[in-house]
């Protein structure tokens, strides 16, 4: 039954992407020019869903090389992750449900997943919306280099901390109880991560996963939490761009003036989300997100921690202004 539900959800995601592609004025031309982004989506989603960090660290630098506007970069990255992170979340949800039928040790490790999500999701979305629907959006844009340095430096610091503690992390993973300190820390970190995600389209999953790992929570559980949190967060964040297109873009002309040509304008590039890129990369992201969990489970926990620390380090480096 779980497999059938998962396939139905993935099928709905694929059909929605195909439907958007068919709205293009010249679908065949778009397919020829943009289909290469499928591979980008696969790679980005595998790394994002295997580490808990968002795929923005892959998408943003590449979109920057394509000379997209900063708003288009973030909006399109959000849109792609809406599909890839959801696909990854479905896979991790299945793993959580399966854990209920495992031994007592495994069940106790994964039992805290729902509560951890309740402690982080609302604050992450609140952080994203704080930036998107306030003057902070303008302030962040004007302080771009400063935030790049802060976020990049912080990611590198966290990666070094994980590498330095690897010997301690070799210990067998134990079930952890959520303390009052965790509740407060997770709320603060999720909110700050939401602020960062609103601008970089990546951040909240990485920060939460690093915190949980350093607090000795299971690494696979930490990654699962980060993936699910990121999936819900990007859906909350992408609404800002979709609503902006609806209110100020071509959809207004379609609904109020009956100008059907304006509908094609939205999907052909006259919007913040570059839909042709988002659609093809989204298809690849669904594929990558569906297989990422198996890569994590194939490695042992220590290898995953090394992989995660390396990924956090990479995120910090590529987000430095000197590399953008």
Protein backbone atom coordinates (compact mmCIF):
# COMPACT_ATOMS: atom_id res chain seq x y z
CA UNK A 1 0.00 0.00 0.00
CA UNK A 2 2.84 2.44 0.86
CA UNK A 3 4.50 1.72 -2.49
CA UNK A 4 1.24 2.41 -4.32
CA UNK A 5 0.76 5.74 -2.49
CA UNK A 6 4.35 6.74 -3.20
CA UNK A 7 3.98 5.97 -6.91
CA UNK A 8 0.73 7.94 -7.07
CA UNK A 9 2.35 11.01 -5.51
CA UNK A 10 5.39 10.79 -7.79
CA UNK A 11 3.10 10.34 -10.80
CA UNK A 12 1.15 13.45 -9.83
CA UNK A 13 4.40 15.42 -9.57
CA UNK A 14 5.55 14.20 -12.99
CA UNK A 15 2.19 14.92 -14.63
CA UNK A 16 2.18 18.45 -13.21
CA UNK A 17 5.66 19.07 -14.67
CA UNK A 18 4.67 17.64 -18.04
CA UNK A 19 1.56 19.82 -17.97
CA UNK A 20 3.69 22.91 -17.43
CA UNK A 21 5.94 21.92 -20.30
CA UNK A 22 2.97 21.53 -22.63
CA UNK A 23 2.01 25.14 -21.86
CA UNK A 24 5.12 26.31 -23.67
CA UNK A 25 4.48 28.07 -27.01
CA UNK A 26 6.99 25.73 -28.74
CA UNK A 27 7.30 22.56 -26.61
CA UNK A 28 9.62 20.76 -29.03
CA UNK A 29 12.06 23.65 -29.15
CA UNK A 30 11.97 23.95 -25.38
CA UNK A 31 12.64 20.23 -25.04
CA UNK A 32 15.70 20.43 -27.30
CA UNK A 33 17.12 23.49 -25.55
CA UNK A 34 16.34 22.71 -21.91
CA UNK A 35 16.30 18.91 -21.55
CA UNK A 36 19.94 18.96 -20.43
CA UNK A 37 18.73 20.29 -17.08
CA UNK A 38 17.34 16.84 -16.26
CA UNK A 39 20.87 15.71 -15.38
CA UNK A 40 21.37 18.79 -13.21
CA UNK A 41 18.21 17.92 -11.33
CA UNK A 42 19.32 14.32 -10.77
CA UNK A 43 22.73 15.32 -9.41
CA UNK A 44 21.40 18.14 -7.26
CA UNK A 45 18.64 16.01 -5.74
CA UNK A 46 20.96 13.09 -4.97
CA UNK A 47 23.35 15.30 -3.04
CA UNK A 48 20.52 17.24 -1.38
CA UNK A 49 18.57 14.19 -0.24
CA UNK A 50 21.65 12.20 0.74
CA UNK A 51 22.98 14.97 2.98
CA UNK A 52 19.90 16.85 4.14
CA UNK A 53 21.16 20.10 2.66
CA UNK A 54 19.15 21.76 -0.08
CA UNK A 55 20.00 21.42 -3.74
CA UNK A 56 20.56 25.15 -4.00
CA UNK A 57 24.31 24.70 -3.56
CA UNK A 58 24.28 22.89 -6.92
CA UNK A 59 21.65 24.98 -8.67
CA UNK A 60 22.62 28.49 -7.56
CA UNK A 61 26.24 28.53 -8.84
CA UNK A 62 25.20 27.02 -12.19
CA UNK A 63 22.28 29.42 -12.65
CA UNK A 64 24.64 32.25 -11.77
CA UNK A 65 26.91 31.14 -14.61
CA UNK A 66 23.87 31.31 -16.91
CA UNK A 67 23.54 34.99 -15.95
CA UNK A 68 20.07 34.62 -14.49
CA UNK A 69 18.85 37.44 -12.27
CA UNK A 70 19.27 36.80 -8.54
CA UNK A 71 15.51 36.58 -8.03
CA UNK A 72 15.18 34.10 -10.90
CA UNK A 73 17.99 31.98 -9.45
CA UNK A 74 16.40 31.66 -6.02
CA UNK A 75 12.85 31.27 -7.33
CA UNK A 76 13.81 28.57 -9.84
CA UNK A 77 15.92 26.74 -7.26
CA UNK A 78 12.96 26.75 -4.88
CA UNK A 79 10.71 25.35 -7.60
CA UNK A 80 13.09 22.51 -8.47
CA UNK A 81 13.51 21.53 -4.83
CA UNK A 82 9.73 21.38 -4.41
CA UNK A 83 9.84 18.22 -6.51
CA UNK A 84 13.21 16.71 -5.58
CA UNK A 85 12.91 17.19 -1.84
CA UNK A 86 9.34 15.86 -1.83
CA UNK A 87 10.49 12.73 -3.67
CA UNK A 88 13.25 12.30 -1.09
CA UNK A 89 10.82 12.92 1.77
CA UNK A 90 8.54 10.17 0.52
CA UNK A 91 11.46 7.73 0.53
CA UNK A 92 12.50 8.73 4.05
CA UNK A 93 8.89 8.56 5.26
CA UNK A 94 8.73 4.98 4.05
CA UNK A 95 11.92 4.25 5.98
CA UNK A 96 10.38 5.79 9.13
CA UNK A 97 7.22 3.69 8.77
CA UNK A 98 9.32 0.58 8.21
CA UNK A 99 11.27 1.29 11.41
CA UNK A 100 8.09 0.66 13.42
CA UNK A 101 8.40 -3.01 12.54
CA UNK A 102 12.11 -3.23 13.37
CA UNK A 103 13.73 -4.05 16.71
CA UNK A 104 13.19 -1.92 19.81
CA UNK A 105 16.51 -0.09 19.37
CA UNK A 106 15.64 1.06 15.82
CA UNK A 107 12.11 2.01 16.81
CA UNK A 108 13.33 4.13 19.70
CA UNK A 109 15.81 5.98 17.46
CA UNK A 110 13.16 6.92 14.86
CA UNK A 111 10.27 7.52 17.27
CA UNK A 112 11.26 11.19 17.74
CA UNK A 113 10.94 12.06 14.03
CA UNK A 114 7.41 13.55 14.15
CA UNK A 115 8.21 15.69 17.19
CA UNK A 116 11.45 16.98 15.65
CA UNK A 117 9.52 18.07 12.57
CA UNK A 118 6.90 19.83 14.70
CA UNK A 119 9.70 21.66 16.48
CA UNK A 120 11.36 22.90 13.29
CA UNK A 121 8.89 23.22 10.39
CA UNK A 122 6.82 26.17 11.72
CA UNK A 123 9.91 28.19 12.62
CA UNK A 124 11.66 27.46 9.32
CA UNK A 125 8.65 28.68 7.32
CA UNK A 126 8.32 31.68 9.63
CA UNK A 127 11.95 32.55 8.90
CA UNK A 128 11.41 32.30 5.15
CA UNK A 129 8.27 34.43 5.26
CA UNK A 130 9.94 36.97 7.54
CA UNK A 131 12.37 37.73 4.74
CA UNK A 132 10.00 37.41 1.81
CA UNK A 133 7.18 39.56 3.19
CA UNK A 134 9.18 42.27 4.94
CA UNK A 135 11.79 44.96 4.15
CA UNK A 136 14.44 42.35 5.01
CA UNK A 137 14.17 41.13 1.43
CA UNK A 138 15.58 44.44 0.18
CA UNK A 139 18.16 44.65 2.97
CA UNK A 140 19.45 41.15 2.28
CA UNK A 141 19.83 41.92 -1.42
CA UNK A 142 21.91 45.00 -0.61
CA UNK A 143 24.08 43.02 1.84
CA UNK A 144 24.68 40.11 -0.52
CA UNK A 145 28.46 39.79 -0.13
CA UNK A 146 28.31 40.06 3.67
CA UNK A 147 25.78 37.26 3.99
CA UNK A 148 27.73 35.09 1.56
CA UNK A 149 30.80 35.46 3.77
CA UNK A 150 28.87 34.78 6.98
CA UNK A 151 27.03 31.74 5.66
CA UNK A 152 30.09 30.33 3.91
CA UNK A 153 32.32 30.81 6.94
CA UNK A 154 29.73 29.29 9.28
CA UNK A 155 29.32 26.22 7.05
CA UNK A 156 33.09 25.69 6.94
CA UNK A 157 33.27 26.06 10.73
CA UNK A 158 30.52 23.47 11.23
CA UNK A 159 32.22 21.06 8.82
CA UNK A 160 35.49 21.39 10.69
CA UNK A 161 33.66 20.73 13.96
CA UNK A 162 32.19 17.53 12.56
CA UNK A 163 35.56 16.37 11.21
CA UNK A 164 37.19 17.13 14.58
CA UNK A 165 34.57 15.06 16.41
CA UNK A 166 34.58 12.05 14.08
CA UNK A 167 36.41 9.86 16.57
CA UNK A 168 33.70 10.54 19.14
CA UNK A 169 31.01 9.99 16.55
CA UNK A 170 32.26 6.46 15.88
CA UNK A 171 30.36 5.39 18.96
CA UNK A 172 27.25 3.32 18.39
CA UNK A 173 24.22 5.47 17.70
CA UNK A 174 21.75 5.57 20.56
CA UNK A 175 18.20 6.81 20.86
CA UNK A 176 18.14 10.38 22.15
CA UNK A 177 15.51 12.11 24.21
CA UNK A 178 14.48 15.58 23.13
CA UNK A 179 15.42 17.95 25.94
CA UNK A 180 14.14 21.44 26.69
CA UNK A 181 17.48 22.73 25.44
CA UNK A 182 16.89 20.91 22.14
CA UNK A 183 13.42 22.42 21.81
CA UNK A 184 14.74 25.95 22.20
CA UNK A 185 17.84 25.42 20.08
CA UNK A 186 15.95 23.72 17.25
CA UNK A 187 13.39 26.53 17.10
CA UNK A 188 16.10 29.20 16.95
CA UNK A 189 18.22 27.32 14.41
CA UNK A 190 15.21 26.55 12.22
CA UNK A 191 14.17 30.20 12.21
CA UNK A 192 17.68 31.41 11.36
CA UNK A 193 17.94 28.68 8.74
CA UNK A 194 14.67 29.89 7.25
CA UNK A 195 16.06 33.42 6.99
CA UNK A 196 19.11 32.09 5.13
CA UNK A 197 17.04 29.78 2.93
CA UNK A 198 14.81 32.65 1.81
CA UNK A 199 17.86 34.29 0.28
CA UNK A 200 20.09 31.39 -0.78
CA UNK A 201 17.40 28.68 -1.28
CA UNK A 202 19.52 26.48 1.00
CA UNK A 203 20.45 26.49 4.67
CA UNK A 204 17.77 25.28 7.06
CA UNK A 205 18.22 21.55 6.35
CA UNK A 206 21.98 21.78 6.67
CA UNK A 207 21.91 23.62 9.99
CA UNK A 208 19.34 21.33 11.58
CA UNK A 209 21.15 18.18 10.41
CA UNK A 210 24.49 19.42 11.74
CA UNK A 211 22.94 20.26 15.11
CA UNK A 212 21.27 16.86 15.43
CA UNK A 213 24.45 15.01 14.46
CA UNK A 214 26.53 16.97 16.97
CA UNK A 215 23.89 16.20 19.60
CA UNK A 216 24.46 12.48 18.86
CA UNK A 217 21.16 11.81 17.14
CA UNK A 218 21.26 9.06 14.51
CA UNK A 219 22.88 10.39 11.35
CA UNK A 220 20.29 8.78 9.08
CA UNK A 221 17.52 10.23 11.25
CA UNK A 222 19.20 13.65 11.11
CA UNK A 223 19.35 13.53 7.32
CA UNK A 224 15.74 12.34 7.08
CA UNK A 225 14.59 15.24 9.29
CA UNK A 226 16.58 17.72 7.22
CA UNK A 227 15.14 16.42 3.94
CA UNK A 228 11.54 16.50 5.18
CA UNK A 229 12.03 19.92 6.74
CA UNK A 230 13.54 21.28 3.53
CA UNK A 231 10.72 19.81 1.44
CA UNK A 232 8.02 21.54 3.47
CA UNK A 233 10.03 24.76 3.73
CA UNK A 234 10.61 25.16 -0.02
CA UNK A 235 6.90 24.67 -0.70
CA UNK A 236 6.20 27.43 1.80
CA UNK A 237 8.84 29.63 0.16
CA UNK A 238 7.88 29.05 -3.46
CA UNK A 239 4.36 30.36 -2.79
CA UNK A 240 5.83 33.86 -2.60
CA UNK A 241 7.05 33.66 -6.19
CA UNK A 242 3.95 31.93 -7.52
CA UNK A 243 1.64 34.44 -5.85
CA UNK A 244 3.77 37.30 -7.19
CA UNK A 245 3.34 35.94 -10.72
CA UNK A 246 -0.39 35.52 -10.19
CA UNK A 247 -0.94 39.00 -8.75
CA UNK A 248 1.45 41.08 -10.84
CA UNK A 249 2.13 38.86 -13.83
CA UNK A 250 0.31 37.40 -16.77
CA UNK A 251 -2.23 35.43 -14.74
CA UNK A 252 -3.91 38.73 -13.84
CA UNK A 253 -4.37 39.51 -17.51
CA UNK A 254 -5.73 36.03 -18.14
CA UNK A 255 -8.29 36.17 -15.33
CA UNK A 256 -9.33 39.81 -15.60
CA UNK A 257 -8.80 40.66 -19.26
CA UNK A 258 -9.16 37.31 -20.96
CA UNK A 259 -5.72 37.65 -22.56
CA UNK A 260 -4.78 33.97 -23.02
CA UNK A 261 -1.45 34.88 -24.64
CA UNK A 262 -0.32 36.21 -21.27
CA UNK A 263 -0.59 32.71 -19.84
CA UNK A 264 2.14 31.59 -22.21
CA UNK A 265 4.26 34.55 -21.09
CA UNK A 266 4.33 33.20 -17.54
CA UNK A 267 5.62 29.80 -18.64
CA UNK A 268 8.01 31.11 -21.30
CA UNK A 269 10.20 33.23 -19.05
CA UNK A 270 8.35 36.45 -18.11
CA UNK A 271 8.16 35.45 -14.47
CA UNK A 272 10.48 35.00 -11.51
CA UNK A 273 10.46 31.20 -11.87
CA UNK A 274 12.07 30.06 -15.13
CA UNK A 275 9.55 27.30 -15.78
CA UNK A 276 11.29 25.47 -18.66
CA UNK A 277 14.41 24.98 -16.51
CA UNK A 278 12.38 24.20 -13.41
CA UNK A 279 10.33 21.55 -15.24
CA UNK A 280 13.22 19.57 -16.70
CA UNK A 281 15.39 19.90 -13.60
CA UNK A 282 12.33 18.98 -11.55
CA UNK A 283 11.91 15.74 -13.47
CA UNK A 284 15.54 14.89 -12.77
CA UNK A 285 15.13 15.92 -9.14
CA UNK A 286 12.27 13.45 -8.69
CA UNK A 287 14.55 10.68 -9.95
CA UNK A 288 17.50 11.76 -7.80
CA UNK A 289 15.38 12.28 -4.72
CA UNK A 290 13.89 8.80 -5.03
CA UNK A 291 17.28 7.03 -5.04
CA UNK A 292 19.25 9.19 -2.60
CA UNK A 293 18.00 7.34 0.49
CA UNK A 294 19.47 4.07 -0.77
CA UNK A 295 22.90 5.70 -1.17
CA UNK A 296 22.82 6.82 2.46
CA UNK A 297 21.70 3.39 3.70
CA UNK A 298 24.34 1.66 1.57
CA UNK A 299 27.10 3.51 3.45
CA UNK A 300 27.79 2.92 7.12
CA UNK A 301 26.97 5.76 9.57
CA UNK A 302 30.60 6.85 9.92
CA UNK A 303 31.00 7.14 6.13
CA UNK A 304 27.79 9.14 5.93
CA UNK A 305 29.07 11.55 8.58
CA UNK A 306 32.31 12.05 6.64
CA UNK A 307 30.30 12.53 3.44
CA UNK A 308 27.99 15.00 5.17
CA UNK A 309 30.87 16.99 6.67
CA UNK A 310 32.55 17.16 3.26
CA UNK A 311 29.31 18.37 1.70
CA UNK A 312 28.88 21.09 4.34
CA UNK A 313 32.47 22.16 3.71
CA UNK A 314 31.77 22.32 -0.03
CA UNK A 315 28.65 24.41 0.61
CA UNK A 316 30.67 26.88 2.63
CA UNK A 317 33.37 27.19 -0.01
CA UNK A 318 31.10 27.61 -3.04
CA UNK A 319 28.98 30.19 -1.23
CA UNK A 320 31.97 32.44 -0.66
CA UNK A 321 31.81 35.60 -2.83
CA UNK A 322 35.17 34.77 -4.41
CA UNK A 323 33.59 31.70 -6.03
CA UNK A 324 30.32 33.34 -7.12
